[in-house]
C-alpha cells in the first residue's frame, strides 16, 4: 500500500467544498450519518473485510503501541 500523502492547507481548502457534509476540525475529518436503527447503522459499516481494513487496523495498533 502506498504511503499516504499529507495534504497542505491549500489542498484542503480546495478539497473540502467537494466533500459535501464533511467537516474539518483539529486536523480531522468528520461527518454524522443518521439511520433508522442500530442494525441499519451496522449494515452500513459492516460490509466485507478488505485489505485496506487490515492495513488500517495494523496502523491503529502501531500508533497505539507507540503512545504507550
PDB file of N, CA and C in Angstrom:
ATOM      1  N   UNK A   1       0.849  -1.176   0.000  1.00  0.00           N
ATOM      2  CA  UNK A   1       0.000   0.000   0.000  1.00  0.00           C
ATOM      3  C   UNK A   1       0.893   1.237   0.000  1.00  0.00           C
ATOM      4  N   UNK A   2       0.551   2.197  -0.824  1.00  0.00           N
ATOM      5  CA  UNK A   2       1.323   3.430  -0.903  1.00  0.00           C
ATOM      6  C   UNK A   2       1.203   4.229   0.382  1.00  0.00           C
ATOM      7  N   UNK A   3       2.280   4.921   0.709  1.00  0.00           N
ATOM      8  CA  UNK A   3       2.271   5.792   1.885  1.00  0.00           C
ATOM      9  C   UNK A   3       1.319   6.954   1.615  1.00  0.00           C
ATOM     10  N   UNK A   4       0.445   7.280   2.568  1.00  0.00           N
ATOM     11  CA  UNK A   4      -0.493   8.383   2.345  1.00  0.00           C
ATOM     12  C   UNK A   4       0.219   9.728   2.267  1.00  0.00           C
ATOM     13  N   UNK A   5      -0.334  10.619   1.472  1.00  0.00           N
ATOM     14  CA  UNK A   5       0.222  11.964   1.310  1.00  0.00           C
ATOM     15  C   UNK A   5      -0.504  12.903   2.272  1.00  0.00           C
ATOM     16  N   UNK A   6       0.231  13.637   3.052  1.00  0.00           N
ATOM     17  CA  UNK A   6      -0.370  14.626   3.949  1.00  0.00           C
ATOM     18  C   UNK A   6      -0.737  15.844   3.113  1.00  0.00           C
ATOM     19  N   UNK A   7      -1.986  16.261   3.214  1.00  0.00           N
ATOM     20  CA  UNK A   7      -2.479  17.377   2.418  1.00  0.00           C
ATOM     21  C   UNK A   7      -2.119  18.711   3.055  1.00  0.00           C
ATOM     22  N   UNK A   8      -1.802  19.665   2.221  1.00  0.00           N
ATOM     23  CA  UNK A   8      -1.481  21.009   2.699  1.00  0.00           C
ATOM     24  C   UNK A   8      -2.786  21.759   2.991  1.00  0.00           C
ATOM     25  N   UNK A   9      -2.669  22.870   3.688  1.00  0.00           N
ATOM     26  CA  UNK A   9      -3.842  23.705   3.973  1.00  0.00           C
ATOM     27  C   UNK A   9      -4.493  24.173   2.675  1.00  0.00           C
ATOM     28  N   UNK A  10      -3.672  24.519   1.693  1.00  0.00           N
ATOM     29  CA  UNK A  10      -4.198  24.959   0.390  1.00  0.00           C
ATOM     30  C   UNK A  10      -4.976  23.832  -0.295  1.00  0.00           C
ATOM     31  N   UNK A  11      -4.432  22.622  -0.265  1.00  0.00           N
ATOM     32  CA  UNK A  11      -5.122  21.477  -0.867  1.00  0.00           C
ATOM     33  C   UNK A  11      -6.441  21.203  -0.155  1.00  0.00           C
ATOM     34  N   UNK A  12      -6.433  21.308   1.170  1.00  0.00           N
ATOM     35  CA  UNK A  12      -7.661  21.076   1.932  1.00  0.00           C
ATOM     36  C   UNK A  12      -8.724  22.126   1.614  1.00  0.00           C
ATOM     37  N   UNK A  13      -8.314  23.378   1.444  1.00  0.00           N
ATOM     38  CA  UNK A  13      -9.278  24.429   1.085  1.00  0.00           C
ATOM     39  C   UNK A  13      -9.932  24.143  -0.264  1.00  0.00           C
ATOM     40  N   UNK A  14      -9.191  23.512  -1.157  1.00  0.00           N
ATOM     41  CA  UNK A  14      -9.731  23.151  -2.460  1.00  0.00           C
ATOM     42  C   UNK A  14     -10.646  21.929  -2.375  1.00  0.00           C
ATOM     43  N   UNK A  15     -10.256  20.958  -1.564  1.00  0.00           N
ATOM     44  CA  UNK A  15     -10.969  19.686  -1.476  1.00  0.00           C
ATOM     45  C   UNK A  15     -12.241  19.765  -0.632  1.00  0.00           C
ATOM     46  N   UNK A  16     -12.194  20.468   0.491  1.00  0.00           N
ATOM     47  CA  UNK A  16     -13.315  20.456   1.433  1.00  0.00           C
ATOM     48  C   UNK A  16     -14.667  20.844   0.818  1.00  0.00           C
ATOM     49  N   UNK A  17     -14.750  21.841  -0.037  1.00  0.00           N
ATOM     50  CA  UNK A  17     -16.056  22.156  -0.622  1.00  0.00           C
ATOM     51  C   UNK A  17     -16.648  21.002  -1.437  1.00  0.00           C
ATOM     52  N   UNK A  18     -15.808  20.093  -1.893  1.00  0.00           N
ATOM     53  CA  UNK A  18     -16.288  18.949  -2.668  1.00  0.00           C
ATOM     54  C   UNK A  18     -16.664  17.758  -1.801  1.00  0.00           C
ATOM     55  N   UNK A  19     -16.390  17.836  -0.503  1.00  0.00           N
ATOM     56  CA  UNK A  19     -16.756  16.764   0.430  1.00  0.00           C
ATOM     57  C   UNK A  19     -18.028  17.155   1.159  1.00  0.00           C
ATOM     58  N   UNK A  20     -19.121  17.079   0.459  1.00  0.00           N
ATOM     59  CA  UNK A  20     -20.415  17.505   0.992  1.00  0.00           C
ATOM     60  C   UNK A  20     -20.737  16.824   2.319  1.00  0.00           C
ATOM     61  N   UNK A  21     -21.037  17.628   3.326  1.00  0.00           N
ATOM     62  CA  UNK A  21     -21.418  17.101   4.631  1.00  0.00           C
ATOM     63  C   UNK A  21     -20.257  16.842   5.574  1.00  0.00           C
ATOM     64  N   UNK A  22     -19.046  16.858   5.071  1.00  0.00           N
ATOM     65  CA  UNK A  22     -17.873  16.587   5.895  1.00  0.00           C
ATOM     66  C   UNK A  22     -17.340  17.883   6.491  1.00  0.00           C
ATOM     67  N   UNK A  23     -16.761  17.764   7.698  1.00  0.00           N
ATOM     68  CA  UNK A  23     -16.173  18.912   8.384  1.00  0.00           C
ATOM     69  C   UNK A  23     -14.718  18.608   8.686  1.00  0.00           C
ATOM     70  N   UNK A  24     -13.918  19.656   8.724  1.00  0.00           N
ATOM     71  CA  UNK A  24     -12.510  19.537   9.097  1.00  0.00           C
ATOM     72  C   UNK A  24     -12.311  20.366  10.355  1.00  0.00           C
ATOM     73  N   UNK A  25     -11.887  19.704  11.424  1.00  0.00           N
ATOM     74  CA  UNK A  25     -11.616  20.397  12.689  1.00  0.00           C
ATOM     75  C   UNK A  25     -10.500  19.647  13.410  1.00  0.00           C
ATOM     76  N   UNK A  26      -9.578  20.386  13.976  1.00  0.00           N
ATOM     77  CA  UNK A  26      -8.448  19.796  14.707  1.00  0.00           C
ATOM     78  C   UNK A  26      -7.713  18.758  13.858  1.00  0.00           C
ATOM     79  N   UNK A  27      -7.569  19.069  12.565  1.00  0.00           N
ATOM     80  CA  UNK A  27      -6.857  18.199  11.632  1.00  0.00           C
ATOM     81  C   UNK A  27      -7.494  16.816  11.493  1.00  0.00           C
ATOM     82  N   UNK A  28      -8.839  16.765  11.620  1.00  0.00           N
ATOM     83  CA  UNK A  28      -9.584  15.516  11.492  1.00  0.00           C
ATOM     84  C   UNK A  28     -10.816  15.746  10.634  1.00  0.00           C
ATOM     85  N   UNK A  29     -11.143  14.767   9.800  1.00  0.00           N
ATOM     86  CA  UNK A  29     -12.381  14.805   9.028  1.00  0.00           C
ATOM     87  C   UNK A  29     -13.468  14.107   9.818  1.00  0.00           C
ATOM     88  N   UNK A  30     -14.671  14.668   9.779  1.00  0.00           N
ATOM     89  CA  UNK A  30     -15.791  14.015  10.459  1.00  0.00           C
ATOM     90  C   UNK A  30     -17.085  14.292   9.710  1.00  0.00           C
ATOM     91  N   UNK A  31     -18.036  13.405   9.899  1.00  0.00           N
ATOM     92  CA  UNK A  31     -19.363  13.564   9.327  1.00  0.00           C
ATOM     93  C   UNK A  31     -20.319  12.709  10.134  1.00  0.00           C
ATOM     94  N   UNK A  32     -21.518  13.201  10.319  1.00  0.00           N
ATOM     95  CA  UNK A  32     -22.548  12.446  11.025  1.00  0.00           C
ATOM     96  C   UNK A  32     -23.495  11.829  10.004  1.00  0.00           C
ATOM     97  N   UNK A  33     -23.772  10.542  10.173  1.00  0.00           N
ATOM     98  CA  UNK A  33     -24.738   9.827   9.346  1.00  0.00           C
ATOM     99  C   UNK A  33     -25.872   9.371  10.255  1.00  0.00           C
ATOM    100  N   UNK A  34     -27.093   9.444   9.756  1.00  0.00           N
ATOM    101  CA  UNK A  34     -28.251   9.007  10.549  1.00  0.00           C
ATOM    102  C   UNK A  34     -28.932   7.832   9.872  1.00  0.00           C
ATOM    103  N   UNK A  35     -29.337   6.854  10.689  1.00  0.00           N
ATOM    104  CA  UNK A  35     -30.000   5.648  10.208  1.00  0.00           C
ATOM    105  C   UNK A  35     -31.264   5.419  11.023  1.00  0.00           C
ATOM    106  N   UNK A  36     -32.152   4.587  10.486  1.00  0.00           N
ATOM    107  CA  UNK A  36     -33.412   4.317  11.187  1.00  0.00           C
ATOM    108  C   UNK A  36     -33.187   3.594  12.506  1.00  0.00           C
ATOM    109  N   UNK A  37     -32.192   2.704  12.529  1.00  0.00           N
ATOM    110  CA  UNK A  37     -31.934   1.959  13.754  1.00  0.00           C
ATOM    111  C   UNK A  37     -30.484   1.469  13.783  1.00  0.00           C
ATOM    112  N   UNK A  38     -30.143   0.840  14.882  1.00  0.00           N
ATOM    113  CA  UNK A  38     -28.778   0.359  15.101  1.00  0.00           C
ATOM    114  C   UNK A  38     -28.373  -0.676  14.056  1.00  0.00           C
ATOM    115  N   UNK A  39     -29.284  -1.572  13.704  1.00  0.00           N
ATOM    116  CA  UNK A  39     -28.992  -2.624  12.733  1.00  0.00           C
ATOM    117  C   UNK A  39     -28.620  -2.013  11.375  1.00  0.00           C
ATOM    118  N   UNK A  40     -29.347  -0.997  10.944  1.00  0.00           N
ATOM    119  CA  UNK A  40     -29.021  -0.342   9.677  1.00  0.00           C
ATOM    120  C   UNK A  40     -27.658   0.336   9.739  1.00  0.00           C
ATOM    121  N   UNK A  41     -27.352   0.922  10.894  1.00  0.00           N
ATOM    122  CA  UNK A  41     -26.041   1.580  11.008  1.00  0.00           C
ATOM    123  C   UNK A  41     -24.911   0.565  10.906  1.00  0.00           C
ATOM    124  N   UNK A  42     -25.088  -0.606  11.501  1.00  0.00           N
ATOM    125  CA  UNK A  42     -24.055  -1.644  11.402  1.00  0.00           C
ATOM    126  C   UNK A  42     -23.955  -2.192   9.988  1.00  0.00           C
ATOM    127  N   UNK A  43     -25.075  -2.287   9.299  1.00  0.00           N
ATOM    128  CA  UNK A  43     -25.053  -2.766   7.915  1.00  0.00           C
ATOM    129  C   UNK A  43     -24.259  -1.816   7.033  1.00  0.00           C
ATOM    130  N   UNK A  44     -24.314  -0.542   7.348  1.00  0.00           N
ATOM    131  CA  UNK A  44     -23.587   0.455   6.577  1.00  0.00           C
ATOM    132  C   UNK A  44     -22.078   0.279   6.699  1.00  0.00           C
ATOM    133  N   UNK A  45     -21.594  -0.032   7.896  1.00  0.00           N
ATOM    134  CA  UNK A  45     -20.150  -0.135   8.103  1.00  0.00           C
ATOM    135  C   UNK A  45     -19.631  -1.563   8.063  1.00  0.00           C
ATOM    136  N   UNK A  46     -20.490  -2.585   8.265  1.00  0.00           N
ATOM    137  CA  UNK A  46     -20.023  -3.983   8.320  1.00  0.00           C
ATOM    138  C   UNK A  46     -20.266  -4.708   7.009  1.00  0.00           C
ATOM    139  N   UNK A  47     -19.584  -4.257   5.959  1.00  0.00           N
ATOM    140  CA  UNK A  47     -19.666  -4.965   4.680  1.00  0.00           C
ATOM    141  C   UNK A  47     -18.769  -6.176   4.748  1.00  0.00           C
ATOM    142  N   UNK A  48     -17.823  -6.250   3.851  1.00  0.00           N
ATOM    143  CA  UNK A  48     -16.840  -7.324   3.864  1.00  0.00           C
ATOM    144  C   UNK A  48     -15.481  -6.734   4.201  1.00  0.00           C
ATOM    145  N   UNK A  49     -14.669  -7.532   4.833  1.00  0.00           N
ATOM    146  CA  UNK A  49     -13.340  -7.075   5.238  1.00  0.00           C
ATOM    147  C   UNK A  49     -12.440  -7.025   4.005  1.00  0.00           C
ATOM    148  N   UNK A  50     -11.758  -5.903   3.836  1.00  0.00           N
ATOM    149  CA  UNK A  50     -10.843  -5.744   2.707  1.00  0.00           C
ATOM    150  C   UNK A  50      -9.408  -5.629   3.212  1.00  0.00           C
ATOM    151  N   UNK A  51      -8.477  -5.627   2.281  1.00  0.00           N
ATOM    152  CA  UNK A  51      -7.072  -5.456   2.652  1.00  0.00           C
ATOM    153  C   UNK A  51      -6.844  -4.097   3.292  1.00  0.00           C
ATOM    154  N   UNK A  52      -7.609  -3.104   2.884  1.00  0.00           N
ATOM    155  CA  UNK A  52      -7.465  -1.771   3.493  1.00  0.00           C
ATOM    156  C   UNK A  52      -7.927  -1.764   4.947  1.00  0.00           C
ATOM    157  N   UNK A  53      -8.968  -2.531   5.263  1.00  0.00           N
ATOM    158  CA  UNK A  53      -9.401  -2.642   6.658  1.00  0.00           C
ATOM    159  C   UNK A  53      -8.267  -3.196   7.517  1.00  0.00           C
ATOM    160  N   UNK A  54      -7.597  -4.213   7.006  1.00  0.00           N
ATOM    161  CA  UNK A  54      -6.486  -4.828   7.740  1.00  0.00           C
ATOM    162  C   UNK A  54      -5.342  -3.831   7.896  1.00  0.00           C
ATOM    163  N   UNK A  55      -5.037  -3.092   6.841  1.00  0.00           N
ATOM    164  CA  UNK A  55      -3.969  -2.095   6.923  1.00  0.00           C
ATOM    165  C   UNK A  55      -4.299  -1.003   7.938  1.00  0.00           C
ATOM    166  N   UNK A  56      -5.546  -0.557   7.955  1.00  0.00           N
ATOM    167  CA  UNK A  56      -5.956   0.468   8.923  1.00  0.00           C
ATOM    168  C   UNK A  56      -5.859  -0.089  10.340  1.00  0.00           C
ATOM    169  N   UNK A  57      -6.291  -1.332  10.536  1.00  0.00           N
ATOM    170  CA  UNK A  57      -6.214  -1.954  11.858  1.00  0.00           C
ATOM    171  C   UNK A  57      -4.760  -2.045  12.334  1.00  0.00           C
ATOM    172  N   UNK A  58      -3.866  -2.439  11.423  1.00  0.00           N
ATOM    173  CA  UNK A  58      -2.443  -2.516  11.776  1.00  0.00           C
ATOM    174  C   UNK A  58      -1.894  -1.139  12.141  1.00  0.00           C
ATOM    175  N   UNK A  59      -2.261  -0.139  11.357  1.00  0.00           N
ATOM    176  CA  UNK A  59      -1.768   1.223  11.606  1.00  0.00           C
ATOM    177  C   UNK A  59      -2.265   1.738  12.956  1.00  0.00           C
ATOM    178  N   UNK A  60      -3.540   1.514  13.245  1.00  0.00           N
ATOM    179  CA  UNK A  60      -4.102   1.954  14.522  1.00  0.00           C
ATOM    180  C   UNK A  60      -3.370   1.275  15.674  1.00  0.00           C
ATOM    181  N   UNK A  61      -3.146  -0.022  15.560  1.00  0.00           N
ATOM    182  CA  UNK A  61      -2.433  -0.751  16.611  1.00  0.00           C
ATOM    183  C   UNK A  61      -1.014  -0.214  16.780  1.00  0.00           C
ATOM    184  N   UNK A  62      -0.351   0.057  15.681  1.00  0.00           N
ATOM    185  CA  UNK A  62       1.011   0.576  15.731  1.00  0.00           C
ATOM    186  C   UNK A  62       1.068   1.941  16.408  1.00  0.00           C
ATOM    187  N   UNK A  63       0.149   2.815  16.031  1.00  0.00           N
ATOM    188  CA  UNK A  63       0.105   4.148  16.634  1.00  0.00           C
ATOM    189  C   UNK A  63      -0.189   4.053  18.127  1.00  0.00           C
ATOM    190  N   UNK A  64      -1.107   3.157  18.475  1.00  0.00           N
ATOM    191  CA  UNK A  64      -1.463   2.982  19.891  1.00  0.00           C
ATOM    192  C   UNK A  64      -0.266   2.475  20.689  1.00  0.00           C
ATOM    193  N   UNK A  65       0.429   1.488  20.150  1.00  0.00           N
ATOM    194  CA  UNK A  65       1.611   0.936  20.854  1.00  0.00           C
ATOM    195  C   UNK A  65       2.684   2.006  21.036  1.00  0.00           C
ATOM    196  N   UNK A  66       2.866   2.844  20.042  1.00  0.00           N
ATOM    197  CA  UNK A  66       3.886   3.896  20.109  1.00  0.00           C
ATOM    198  C   UNK A  66       3.574   4.921  21.193  1.00  0.00           C
ATOM    199  N   UNK A  67       2.308   5.094  21.512  1.00  0.00           N
ATOM    200  CA  UNK A  67       1.914   6.061  22.541  1.00  0.00           C
ATOM    201  C   UNK A  67       2.123   5.525  23.941  1.00  0.00           C
ATOM    202  N   UNK A  68       2.175   4.205  24.087  1.00  0.00           N
ATOM    203  CA  UNK A  68       2.265   3.587  25.426  1.00  0.00           C
ATOM    204  C   UNK A  68       3.638   3.713  26.014  1.00  0.00           C
TER     205      UNK A  68
END
